[in-house]
PDB file of N, CA and C in Angstrom:
ATOM      1  N   MET A   1      -1.603  26.605  -5.447  1.00  0.00           N
ATOM      2  CA  MET A   1      -1.527  27.901  -4.652  1.00  0.00           C
ATOM      3  C   MET A   1      -2.918  28.226  -4.125  1.00  0.00           C
ATOM      4  N   GLU A   2      -3.889  28.007  -4.928  1.00  0.00           N
ATOM      5  CA  GLU A   2      -5.330  28.347  -4.505  1.00  0.00           C
ATOM      6  C   GLU A   2      -5.692  27.495  -3.240  1.00  0.00           C
ATOM      7  N   THR A   3      -5.326  26.174  -3.251  1.00  0.00           N
ATOM      8  CA  THR A   3      -5.612  25.358  -2.186  1.00  0.00           C
ATOM      9  C   THR A   3      -4.908  25.779  -0.857  1.00  0.00           C
ATOM     10  N   THR A   4      -3.681  26.193  -0.946  1.00  0.00           N
ATOM     11  CA  THR A   4      -2.879  26.825   0.174  1.00  0.00           C
ATOM     12  C   THR A   4      -3.673  28.008   0.718  1.00  0.00           C
ATOM     13  N   THR A   5      -4.086  28.796  -0.124  1.00  0.00           N
ATOM     14  CA  THR A   5      -4.767  30.127   0.328  1.00  0.00           C
ATOM     15  C   THR A   5      -6.084  29.689   1.023  1.00  0.00           C
ATOM     16  N   LYS A   6      -6.850  28.728   0.446  1.00  0.00           N
ATOM     17  CA  LYS A   6      -8.083  28.303   1.097  1.00  0.00           C
ATOM     18  C   LYS A   6      -7.797  27.734   2.407  1.00  0.00           C
ATOM     19  N   ARG A   7      -6.842  26.917   2.456  1.00  0.00           N
ATOM     20  CA  ARG A   7      -6.371  26.188   3.712  1.00  0.00           C
ATOM     21  C   ARG A   7      -6.093  27.207   4.861  1.00  0.00           C
ATOM     22  N   GLN A   8      -5.282  28.221   4.436  1.00  0.00           N
ATOM     23  CA  GLN A   8      -4.856  29.317   5.408  1.00  0.00           C
ATOM     24  C   GLN A   8      -5.986  30.058   5.915  1.00  0.00           C
ATOM     25  N   ALA A   9      -7.017  30.423   5.004  1.00  0.00           N
ATOM     26  CA  ALA A   9      -8.186  31.071   5.424  1.00  0.00           C
ATOM     27  C   ALA A   9      -9.071  30.171   6.367  1.00  0.00           C
ATOM     28  N   LEU A  10      -9.213  28.881   6.109  1.00  0.00           N
ATOM     29  CA  LEU A  10      -9.882  28.015   6.903  1.00  0.00           C
ATOM     30  C   LEU A  10      -9.260  27.869   8.276  1.00  0.00           C
ATOM     31  N   ILE A  11      -7.856  27.716   8.326  1.00  0.00           N
ATOM     32  CA  ILE A  11      -7.250  27.685   9.563  1.00  0.00           C
ATOM     33  C   ILE A  11      -7.407  29.018  10.400  1.00  0.00           C
ATOM     34  N   LYS A  12      -7.410  30.096   9.687  1.00  0.00           N
ATOM     35  CA  LYS A  12      -7.551  31.434  10.448  1.00  0.00           C
ATOM     36  C   LYS A  12      -9.038  31.427  11.074  1.00  0.00           C
ATOM     37  N   VAL A  13     -10.028  30.987  10.393  1.00  0.00           N
ATOM     38  CA  VAL A  13     -11.383  30.985  10.867  1.00  0.00           C
ATOM     39  C   VAL A  13     -11.487  30.023  11.992  1.00  0.00           C
ATOM     40  N   ILE A  14     -10.927  28.846  11.945  1.00  0.00           N
ATOM     41  CA  ILE A  14     -10.951  27.897  12.997  1.00  0.00           C
ATOM     42  C   ILE A  14     -10.230  28.408  14.246  1.00  0.00           C
ATOM     43  N   ASN A  15      -9.004  29.067  14.009  1.00  0.00           N
ATOM     44  CA  ASN A  15      -8.422  29.577  15.227  1.00  0.00           C
ATOM     45  C   ASN A  15      -9.232  30.748  15.911  1.00  0.00           C
ATOM     46  N   GLU A  16      -9.969  31.502  15.102  1.00  0.00           N
ATOM     47  CA  GLU A  16     -10.739  32.590  15.734  1.00  0.00           C
ATOM     48  C   GLU A  16     -11.895  31.921  16.526  1.00  0.00           C
ATOM     49  N   GLN A  17     -12.485  30.781  16.087  1.00  0.00           N
ATOM     50  CA  GLN A  17     -13.509  30.127  16.723  1.00  0.00           C
ATOM     51  C   GLN A  17     -12.960  29.355  18.044  1.00  0.00           C
ATOM     52  N   LEU A  18     -11.774  28.823  17.952  1.00  0.00           N
ATOM     53  CA  LEU A  18     -11.115  28.219  19.046  1.00  0.00           C
ATOM     54  C   LEU A  18     -10.919  29.149  20.175  1.00  0.00           C
ATOM     55  N   GLU A  19     -10.555  30.358  19.817  1.00  0.00           N
ATOM     56  CA  GLU A  19     -10.253  31.372  20.886  1.00  0.00           C
ATOM     57  C   GLU A  19     -11.532  31.655  21.694  1.00  0.00           C
ATOM     58  N   LEU A  20     -12.673  31.494  21.090  1.00  0.00           N
ATOM     59  CA  LEU A  20     -14.046  31.782  21.813  1.00  0.00           C
ATOM     60  C   LEU A  20     -14.591  30.556  22.462  1.00  0.00           C
ATOM     61  N   ALA A  21     -13.954  29.413  22.200  1.00  0.00           N
ATOM     62  CA  ALA A  21     -14.602  28.068  22.671  1.00  0.00           C
ATOM     63  C   ALA A  21     -14.314  27.823  24.162  1.00  0.00           C
ATOM     64  N   TYR A  22     -15.264  27.193  24.823  1.00  0.00           N
ATOM     65  CA  TYR A  22     -15.054  26.795  26.209  1.00  0.00           C
ATOM     66  C   TYR A  22     -13.937  25.615  26.355  1.00  0.00           C
ATOM     67  N   ASP A  23     -13.414  25.554  27.495  1.00  0.00           N
ATOM     68  CA  ASP A  23     -12.368  24.622  27.702  1.00  0.00           C
ATOM     69  C   ASP A  23     -12.892  23.200  27.464  1.00  0.00           C
ATOM     70  N   ASP A  24     -14.094  22.779  27.786  1.00  0.00           N
ATOM     71  CA  ASP A  24     -14.515  21.426  27.582  1.00  0.00           C
ATOM     72  C   ASP A  24     -14.644  21.190  26.047  1.00  0.00           C
ATOM     73  N   THR A  25     -15.005  22.232  25.316  1.00  0.00           N
ATOM     74  CA  THR A  25     -15.205  22.040  23.849  1.00  0.00           C
ATOM     75  C   THR A  25     -13.808  21.871  23.311  1.00  0.00           C
ATOM     76  N   LEU A  26     -12.785  22.555  23.778  1.00  0.00           N
ATOM     77  CA  LEU A  26     -11.412  22.344  23.308  1.00  0.00           C
ATOM     78  C   LEU A  26     -10.927  20.942  23.542  1.00  0.00           C
ATOM     79  N   GLN A  27     -11.341  20.388  24.798  1.00  0.00           N
ATOM     80  CA  GLN A  27     -10.907  19.043  25.111  1.00  0.00           C
ATOM     81  C   GLN A  27     -11.512  18.007  24.097  1.00  0.00           C
ATOM     82  N   GLU A  28     -12.900  18.296  23.761  1.00  0.00           N
ATOM     83  CA  GLU A  28     -13.498  17.417  22.918  1.00  0.00           C
ATOM     84  C   GLU A  28     -12.995  17.444  21.545  1.00  0.00           C
ATOM     85  N   ILE A  29     -12.523  18.574  20.985  1.00  0.00           N
ATOM     86  CA  ILE A  29     -11.914  18.654  19.747  1.00  0.00           C
ATOM     87  C   ILE A  29     -10.628  17.948  19.715  1.00  0.00           C
ATOM     88  N   LEU A  30      -9.879  18.144  20.742  1.00  0.00           N
ATOM     89  CA  LEU A  30      -8.538  17.357  20.872  1.00  0.00           C
ATOM     90  C   LEU A  30      -8.805  15.933  20.889  1.00  0.00           C
ATOM     91  N   SER A  31      -9.745  15.449  21.653  1.00  0.00           N
ATOM     92  CA  SER A  31      -9.959  13.978  21.618  1.00  0.00           C
ATOM     93  C   SER A  31     -10.381  13.516  20.190  1.00  0.00           C
ATOM     94  N   LEU A  32     -11.217  14.343  19.526  1.00  0.00           N
ATOM     95  CA  LEU A  32     -11.645  13.901  18.080  1.00  0.00           C
ATOM     96  C   LEU A  32     -10.460  13.886  17.190  1.00  0.00           C
ATOM     97  N   LEU A  33      -9.511  14.828  17.302  1.00  0.00           N
ATOM     98  CA  LEU A  33      -8.374  14.886  16.491  1.00  0.00           C
ATOM     99  C   LEU A  33      -7.471  13.702  16.757  1.00  0.00           C
ATOM    100  N   LYS A  34      -7.289  13.227  18.046  1.00  0.00           N
ATOM    101  CA  LYS A  34      -6.496  12.152  18.427  1.00  0.00           C
ATOM    102  C   LYS A  34      -7.140  10.864  17.887  1.00  0.00           C
ATOM    103  N   ILE A  35      -8.420  10.709  17.959  1.00  0.00           N
ATOM    104  CA  ILE A  35      -9.181   9.563  17.440  1.00  0.00           C
ATOM    105  C   ILE A  35      -8.906   9.502  15.942  1.00  0.00           C
ATOM    106  N   ARG A  36      -9.052  10.612  15.275  1.00  0.00           N
ATOM    107  CA  ARG A  36      -8.842  10.545  13.795  1.00  0.00           C
ATOM    108  C   ARG A  36      -7.493  10.153  13.430  1.00  0.00           C
ATOM    109  N   LYS A  37      -6.433  10.663  14.171  1.00  0.00           N
ATOM    110  CA  LYS A  37      -5.035  10.167  13.898  1.00  0.00           C
ATOM    111  C   LYS A  37      -4.881   8.808  14.153  1.00  0.00           C
ATOM    112  N   GLN A  38      -5.398   8.240  15.240  1.00  0.00           N
ATOM    113  CA  GLN A  38      -5.323   6.699  15.509  1.00  0.00           C
ATOM    114  C   GLN A  38      -5.987   5.935  14.378  1.00  0.00           C
ATOM    115  N   GLU A  39      -7.200   6.422  13.906  1.00  0.00           N
ATOM    116  CA  GLU A  39      -7.803   5.693  12.769  1.00  0.00           C
ATOM    117  C   GLU A  39      -7.037   5.850  11.554  1.00  0.00           C
ATOM    118  N   ASP A  40      -6.411   6.871  11.220  1.00  0.00           N
ATOM    119  CA  ASP A  40      -5.549   7.088  10.019  1.00  0.00           C
ATOM    120  C   ASP A  40      -4.370   6.122  10.153  1.00  0.00           C
ATOM    121  N   GLU A  41      -3.747   5.979  11.374  1.00  0.00           N
ATOM    122  CA  GLU A  41      -2.570   5.190  11.527  1.00  0.00           C
ATOM    123  C   GLU A  41      -2.937   3.662  11.394  1.00  0.00           C
ATOM    124  N   ALA A  42      -4.180   3.349  12.016  1.00  0.00           N
ATOM    125  CA  ALA A  42      -4.669   1.934  11.768  1.00  0.00           C
ATOM    126  C   ALA A  42      -4.935   1.632  10.290  1.00  0.00           C
ATOM    127  N   ASP A  43      -5.479   2.553   9.639  1.00  0.00           N
ATOM    128  CA  ASP A  43      -5.658   2.353   8.082  1.00  0.00           C
ATOM    129  C   ASP A  43      -4.346   2.156   7.419  1.00  0.00           C
ATOM    130  N   GLU A  44      -3.412   2.957   7.633  1.00  0.00           N
ATOM    131  CA  GLU A  44      -2.076   2.827   7.078  1.00  0.00           C
ATOM    132  C   GLU A  44      -1.533   1.438   7.351  1.00  0.00           C
ATOM    133  N   ARG A  45      -1.604   0.956   8.671  1.00  0.00           N
ATOM    134  CA  ARG A  45      -1.099  -0.378   8.999  1.00  0.00           C
ATOM    135  C   ARG A  45      -1.891  -1.433   8.252  1.00  0.00           C
ATOM    136  N   ASP A  46      -3.128  -1.303   8.228  1.00  0.00           N
ATOM    137  CA  ASP A  46      -3.937  -2.234   7.418  1.00  0.00           C
ATOM    138  C   ASP A  46      -3.542  -2.299   6.007  1.00  0.00           C
ATOM    139  N   PHE A  47      -3.412  -1.155   5.405  1.00  0.00           N
ATOM    140  CA  PHE A  47      -2.966  -1.146   4.031  1.00  0.00           C
ATOM    141  C   PHE A  47      -1.601  -1.810   3.786  1.00  0.00           C
ATOM    142  N   GLU A  48      -0.581  -1.552   4.609  1.00  0.00           N
ATOM    143  CA  GLU A  48       0.674  -2.171   4.506  1.00  0.00           C
ATOM    144  C   GLU A  48       0.499  -3.609   4.656  1.00  0.00           C
ATOM    145  N   GLU A  49      -0.204  -4.102   5.743  1.00  0.00           N
ATOM    146  CA  GLU A  49      -0.439  -5.533   5.895  1.00  0.00           C
ATOM    147  C   GLU A  49      -1.028  -6.249   4.689  1.00  0.00           C
ATOM    148  N   GLY A  50      -2.012  -5.482   3.999  1.00  0.00           N
ATOM    149  CA  GLY A  50      -2.669  -5.934   2.846  1.00  0.00           C
ATOM    150  C   GLY A  50      -1.676  -6.152   1.646  1.00  0.00           C
ATOM    151  N   LEU A  51      -0.759  -5.146   1.457  1.00  0.00           N
ATOM    152  CA  LEU A  51       0.277  -5.254   0.417  1.00  0.00           C
ATOM    153  C   LEU A  51       1.217  -6.432   0.749  1.00  0.00           C
ATOM    154  N   LYS A  52       1.570  -6.574   2.016  1.00  0.00           N
ATOM    155  CA  LYS A  52       2.417  -7.669   2.405  1.00  0.00           C
ATOM    156  C   LYS A  52       1.831  -8.978   2.053  1.00  0.00           C
ATOM    157  N   ASP A  53       0.534  -9.153   2.367  1.00  0.00           N
ATOM    158  CA  ASP A  53      -0.160 -10.328   2.144  1.00  0.00           C
ATOM    159  C   ASP A  53      -0.260 -10.642   0.567  1.00  0.00           C
ATOM    160  N   ILE A  54      -0.518  -9.598  -0.253  1.00  0.00           N
ATOM    161  CA  ILE A  54      -0.478  -9.791  -1.715  1.00  0.00           C
ATOM    162  C   ILE A  54       0.897 -10.297  -2.202  1.00  0.00           C
ATOM    163  N   VAL A  55       1.965  -9.777  -1.619  1.00  0.00           N
ATOM    164  CA  VAL A  55       3.179 -10.178  -2.035  1.00  0.00           C
ATOM    165  C   VAL A  55       3.507 -11.641  -1.593  1.00  0.00           C
ATOM    166  N   GLU A  56       2.995 -12.035  -0.372  1.00  0.00           N
ATOM    167  CA  GLU A  56       3.301 -13.397   0.090  1.00  0.00           C
ATOM    168  C   GLU A  56       2.341 -14.423  -0.496  1.00  0.00           C
ATOM    169  N   ASN A  57       1.041 -14.047  -0.680  1.00  0.00           N
ATOM    170  CA  ASN A  57       0.095 -15.041  -1.075  1.00  0.00           C
ATOM    171  C   ASN A  57      -0.559 -14.738  -2.498  1.00  0.00           C
ATOM    172  N   GLY A  58      -0.120 -13.706  -3.091  1.00  0.00           N
ATOM    173  CA  GLY A  58      -0.780 -13.482  -4.420  1.00  0.00           C
ATOM    174  C   GLY A  58      -2.252 -12.874  -4.190  1.00  0.00           C
ATOM    175  N   THR A  59      -2.956 -12.874  -5.299  1.00  0.00           N
ATOM    176  CA  THR A  59      -4.255 -12.226  -5.193  1.00  0.00           C
ATOM    177  C   THR A  59      -5.259 -13.277  -5.799  1.00  0.00           C
ATOM    178  N   LEU A  60      -6.577 -13.007  -5.639  1.00  0.00           N
ATOM    179  CA  LEU A  60      -7.604 -13.869  -6.176  1.00  0.00           C
ATOM    180  C   LEU A  60      -8.556 -13.002  -6.972  1.00  0.00           C
ATOM    181  N   THR A  61      -9.033 -13.699  -8.052  1.00  0.00           N
ATOM    182  CA  THR A  61     -10.086 -12.919  -8.844  1.00  0.00           C
ATOM    183  C   THR A  61     -11.365 -12.978  -7.986  1.00  0.00           C
ATOM    184  N   TRP A  62     -12.332 -12.136  -8.420  1.00  0.00           N
ATOM    185  CA  TRP A  62     -13.672 -11.995  -7.687  1.00  0.00           C
ATOM    186  C   TRP A  62     -14.270 -13.371  -7.826  1.00  0.00           C
ATOM    187  N   SER A  63     -14.239 -14.077  -8.915  1.00  0.00           N
ATOM    188  CA  SER A  63     -14.844 -15.411  -9.062  1.00  0.00           C
ATOM    189  C   SER A  63     -14.220 -16.407  -8.120  1.00  0.00           C
ATOM    190  N   GLU A  64     -12.864 -16.408  -8.015  1.00  0.00           N
ATOM    191  CA  GLU A  64     -12.248 -17.288  -7.103  1.00  0.00           C
ATOM    192  C   GLU A  64     -12.606 -17.005  -5.645  1.00  0.00           C
ATOM    193  N   HIS A  65     -12.748 -15.802  -5.324  1.00  0.00           N
ATOM    194  CA  HIS A  65     -13.139 -15.364  -3.955  1.00  0.00           C
ATOM    195  C   HIS A  65     -14.629 -15.870  -3.711  1.00  0.00           C
ATOM    196  N   GLN A  66     -15.501 -15.691  -4.586  1.00  0.00           N
ATOM    197  CA  GLN A  66     -16.815 -16.243  -4.432  1.00  0.00           C
ATOM    198  C   GLN A  66     -16.868 -17.631  -4.225  1.00  0.00           C
ATOM    199  N   GLN A  67     -16.066 -18.445  -5.090  1.00  0.00           N
ATOM    200  CA  GLN A  67     -16.031 -19.789  -4.913  1.00  0.00           C
ATOM    201  C   GLN A  67     -15.555 -20.186  -3.640  1.00  0.00           C
ATOM    202  N   LYS A  68     -14.534 -19.704  -3.009  1.00  0.00           N
ATOM    203  CA  LYS A  68     -13.935 -20.021  -1.719  1.00  0.00           C
ATOM    204  C   LYS A  68     -14.805 -19.675  -0.601  1.00  0.00           C
ATOM    205  N   THR A  69     -15.704 -18.651  -0.733  1.00  0.00           N
ATOM    206  CA  THR A  69     -16.487 -18.218   0.389  1.00  0.00           C
ATOM    207  C   THR A  69     -17.954 -18.783   0.353  1.00  0.00           C
ATOM    208  N   ALA A  70     -18.242 -19.410  -0.822  1.00  0.00           N
ATOM    209  CA  ALA A  70     -19.601 -19.969  -0.985  1.00  0.00           C
ATOM    210  C   ALA A  70     -19.873 -21.295  -0.212  1.00  0.00           C
TER     211      ALA A  70
END
């Protein structure tokens, strides 16, 4: 509950500042949010691919990894 209240307060402050921001600043913020979303989606894809690789190929111990890459 406390987290929700803090989040709501933060959103309120952000909205107040957004109302005062210039249009170009708003465009920059939107671009940053889009970049963040794309990065999150790429991270999720990479994670899923990693899990799939583990299922298909198993895993290596750190020692095995060092031997293969040395």
